[in-house]
Amino acid sequence: MIDILSYGLMAVGLVFWFWGTLPLLGLRSVLFKLHTLTVADTLGSMLIVLGLLVKIPKEWPLLVLALISLMLWNTMLGYVLAYCSSNEEES
């Protein structure tokens, strides 16, 4: 049962990764594309790490640290890229 839950979380994480890349092909603004990619990448990565946490619970300190790092750094990187992108459009 735990294996099914673990693989299910990882599969949903992969779906989020691919779902986030689809808007890159559209004609929307760069900021919209960046937002969808950042959100989907963060959620997908977190679900994959949660799946690993269910699969190998003895590694919980490292995996919880990875979850916190993903939440903080993916979000911050998205903001930095958006800020740099908006500054380029103004000049």
C-alpha atoms as a PDB file:
ATOM      1  CA  MET A   1       0.000   0.000   0.000  1.00  0.00           C
ATOM      2  CA  ILE A   2       2.850   2.376   0.854  1.00  0.00           C
ATOM      3  CA  ASP A   3       4.515   1.657  -2.495  1.00  0.00           C
ATOM      4  CA  ILE A   4       1.330   2.554  -4.354  1.00  0.00           C
ATOM      5  CA  LEU A   5       0.993   5.817  -2.419  1.00  0.00           C
ATOM      6  CA  SER A   6       4.653   6.648  -2.979  1.00  0.00           C
ATOM      7  CA  TYR A   7       4.578   5.968  -6.701  1.00  0.00           C
ATOM      8  CA  GLY A   8       1.252   7.782  -6.996  1.00  0.00           C
ATOM      9  CA  LEU A   9       2.686  10.937  -5.416  1.00  0.00           C
ATOM     10  CA  MET A  10       5.720  10.773  -7.689  1.00  0.00           C
ATOM     11  CA  ALA A  11       3.536  10.255 -10.763  1.00  0.00           C
ATOM     12  CA  VAL A  12       1.366  13.252  -9.878  1.00  0.00           C
ATOM     13  CA  GLY A  13       4.571  15.256  -9.390  1.00  0.00           C
ATOM     14  CA  LEU A  14       5.711  14.332 -12.891  1.00  0.00           C
ATOM     15  CA  VAL A  15       2.306  15.332 -14.265  1.00  0.00           C
ATOM     16  CA  PHE A  16       2.718  18.748 -12.634  1.00  0.00           C
ATOM     17  CA  TRP A  17       6.173  19.105 -14.202  1.00  0.00           C
ATOM     18  CA  PHE A  18       4.833  18.410 -17.688  1.00  0.00           C
ATOM     19  CA  TRP A  19       1.707  20.503 -17.097  1.00  0.00           C
ATOM     20  CA  GLY A  20       3.890  23.483 -16.192  1.00  0.00           C
ATOM     21  CA  THR A  21       5.853  23.303 -19.426  1.00  0.00           C
ATOM     22  CA  LEU A  22       2.798  23.387 -21.696  1.00  0.00           C
ATOM     23  CA  PRO A  23       2.167  27.176 -21.335  1.00  0.00           C
ATOM     24  CA  LEU A  24       5.711  27.804 -22.590  1.00  0.00           C
ATOM     25  CA  LEU A  25       4.451  26.943 -26.070  1.00  0.00           C
ATOM     26  CA  GLY A  26       1.650  29.523 -25.978  1.00  0.00           C
ATOM     27  CA  LEU A  27       1.603  33.171 -26.967  1.00  0.00           C
ATOM     28  CA  ARG A  28       1.050  34.580 -23.477  1.00  0.00           C
ATOM     29  CA  SER A  29       3.327  37.037 -21.696  1.00  0.00           C
ATOM     30  CA  VAL A  30       6.669  36.014 -20.268  1.00  0.00           C
ATOM     31  CA  LEU A  31       5.476  36.666 -16.718  1.00  0.00           C
ATOM     32  CA  PHE A  32       2.458  34.368 -17.146  1.00  0.00           C
ATOM     33  CA  LYS A  33       4.691  31.641 -18.521  1.00  0.00           C
ATOM     34  CA  LEU A  34       7.164  32.106 -15.682  1.00  0.00           C
ATOM     35  CA  HIS A  35       4.428  31.999 -13.053  1.00  0.00           C
ATOM     36  CA  THR A  36       2.865  28.780 -14.315  1.00  0.00           C
ATOM     37  CA  LEU A  37       6.251  27.137 -14.707  1.00  0.00           C
ATOM     38  CA  THR A  38       7.375  28.142 -11.207  1.00  0.00           C
ATOM     39  CA  VAL A  39       4.184  26.994  -9.495  1.00  0.00           C
ATOM     40  CA  ALA A  40       4.017  23.696 -11.360  1.00  0.00           C
ATOM     41  CA  ASP A  41       7.712  22.984 -10.868  1.00  0.00           C
ATOM     42  CA  THR A  42       7.520  23.700  -7.140  1.00  0.00           C
ATOM     43  CA  LEU A  43       4.418  21.566  -6.600  1.00  0.00           C
ATOM     44  CA  GLY A  44       5.750  18.752  -8.781  1.00  0.00           C
ATOM     45  CA  SER A  45       9.101  18.674  -7.040  1.00  0.00           C
ATOM     46  CA  MET A  46       7.475  18.763  -3.620  1.00  0.00           C
ATOM     47  CA  LEU A  47       5.160  15.869  -4.513  1.00  0.00           C
ATOM     48  CA  ILE A  48       8.106  13.822  -5.740  1.00  0.00           C
ATOM     49  CA  VAL A  49       9.993  14.476  -2.495  1.00  0.00           C
ATOM     50  CA  LEU A  50       6.851  13.593  -0.494  1.00  0.00           C
ATOM     51  CA  GLY A  51       6.662  10.340  -2.436  1.00  0.00           C
ATOM     52  CA  LEU A  52      10.263   9.639  -1.483  1.00  0.00           C
ATOM     53  CA  LEU A  53       9.455  10.518   2.133  1.00  0.00           C
ATOM     54  CA  VAL A  54       6.679   7.919   2.148  1.00  0.00           C
ATOM     55  CA  LYS A  55       8.971   5.369   0.472  1.00  0.00           C
ATOM     56  CA  ILE A  56      12.040   5.884   2.702  1.00  0.00           C
ATOM     57  CA  PRO A  57      10.892   7.421   5.998  1.00  0.00           C
ATOM     58  CA  LYS A  58      14.259   6.849   7.706  1.00  0.00           C
ATOM     59  CA  GLU A  59      15.670   9.714   5.603  1.00  0.00           C
ATOM     60  CA  TRP A  60      13.051  12.186   6.876  1.00  0.00           C
ATOM     61  CA  PRO A  61      15.460  14.932   8.079  1.00  0.00           C
ATOM     62  CA  LEU A  62      17.098  15.235   4.674  1.00  0.00           C
ATOM     63  CA  LEU A  63      13.811  15.065   2.792  1.00  0.00           C
ATOM     64  CA  VAL A  64      12.113  17.645   5.026  1.00  0.00           C
ATOM     65  CA  LEU A  65      15.091  19.938   4.462  1.00  0.00           C
ATOM     66  CA  ALA A  66      14.677  19.378   0.725  1.00  0.00           C
ATOM     67  CA  LEU A  67      10.970  20.276   0.957  1.00  0.00           C
ATOM     68  CA  ILE A  68      11.685  23.496   2.828  1.00  0.00           C
ATOM     69  CA  SER A  69      14.451  24.392   0.379  1.00  0.00           C
ATOM     70  CA  LEU A  70      12.168  23.767  -2.581  1.00  0.00           C
ATOM     71  CA  MET A  71       9.462  25.983  -1.118  1.00  0.00           C
ATOM     72  CA  LEU A  72      11.824  28.843  -0.434  1.00  0.00           C
ATOM     73  CA  TRP A  73      14.290  28.744  -3.317  1.00  0.00           C
ATOM     74  CA  ASN A  74      11.912  27.930  -6.168  1.00  0.00           C
ATOM     75  CA  THR A  75       9.616  30.741  -5.082  1.00  0.00           C
ATOM     76  CA  MET A  76      12.455  33.226  -4.603  1.00  0.00           C
ATOM     77  CA  LEU A  77      14.023  32.312  -7.951  1.00  0.00           C
ATOM     78  CA  GLY A  78      10.675  32.868  -9.662  1.00  0.00           C
ATOM     79  CA  TYR A  79      10.397  36.327  -8.105  1.00  0.00           C
ATOM     80  CA  VAL A  80      13.965  37.234  -9.081  1.00  0.00           C
ATOM     81  CA  LEU A  81      13.440  36.110 -12.667  1.00  0.00           C
ATOM     82  CA  ALA A  82      10.156  38.015 -12.879  1.00  0.00           C
ATOM     83  CA  TYR A  83      11.800  41.157 -11.520  1.00  0.00           C
ATOM     84  CA  CYS A  84      14.667  40.901 -14.005  1.00  0.00           C
ATOM     85  CA  SER A  85      12.214  40.236 -16.825  1.00  0.00           C
ATOM     86  CA  SER A  86      10.054  43.246 -15.955  1.00  0.00           C
ATOM     87  CA  ASN A  87      13.119  45.508 -15.780  1.00  0.00           C
ATOM     88  CA  GLU A  88      14.192  44.427 -19.271  1.00  0.00           C
ATOM     89  CA  GLU A  89      10.772  45.273 -20.711  1.00  0.00           C
ATOM     90  CA  GLU A  90      10.897  48.789 -19.231  1.00  0.00           C
ATOM     91  CA  SER A  91      14.256  49.697 -20.806  1.00  0.00           C
END
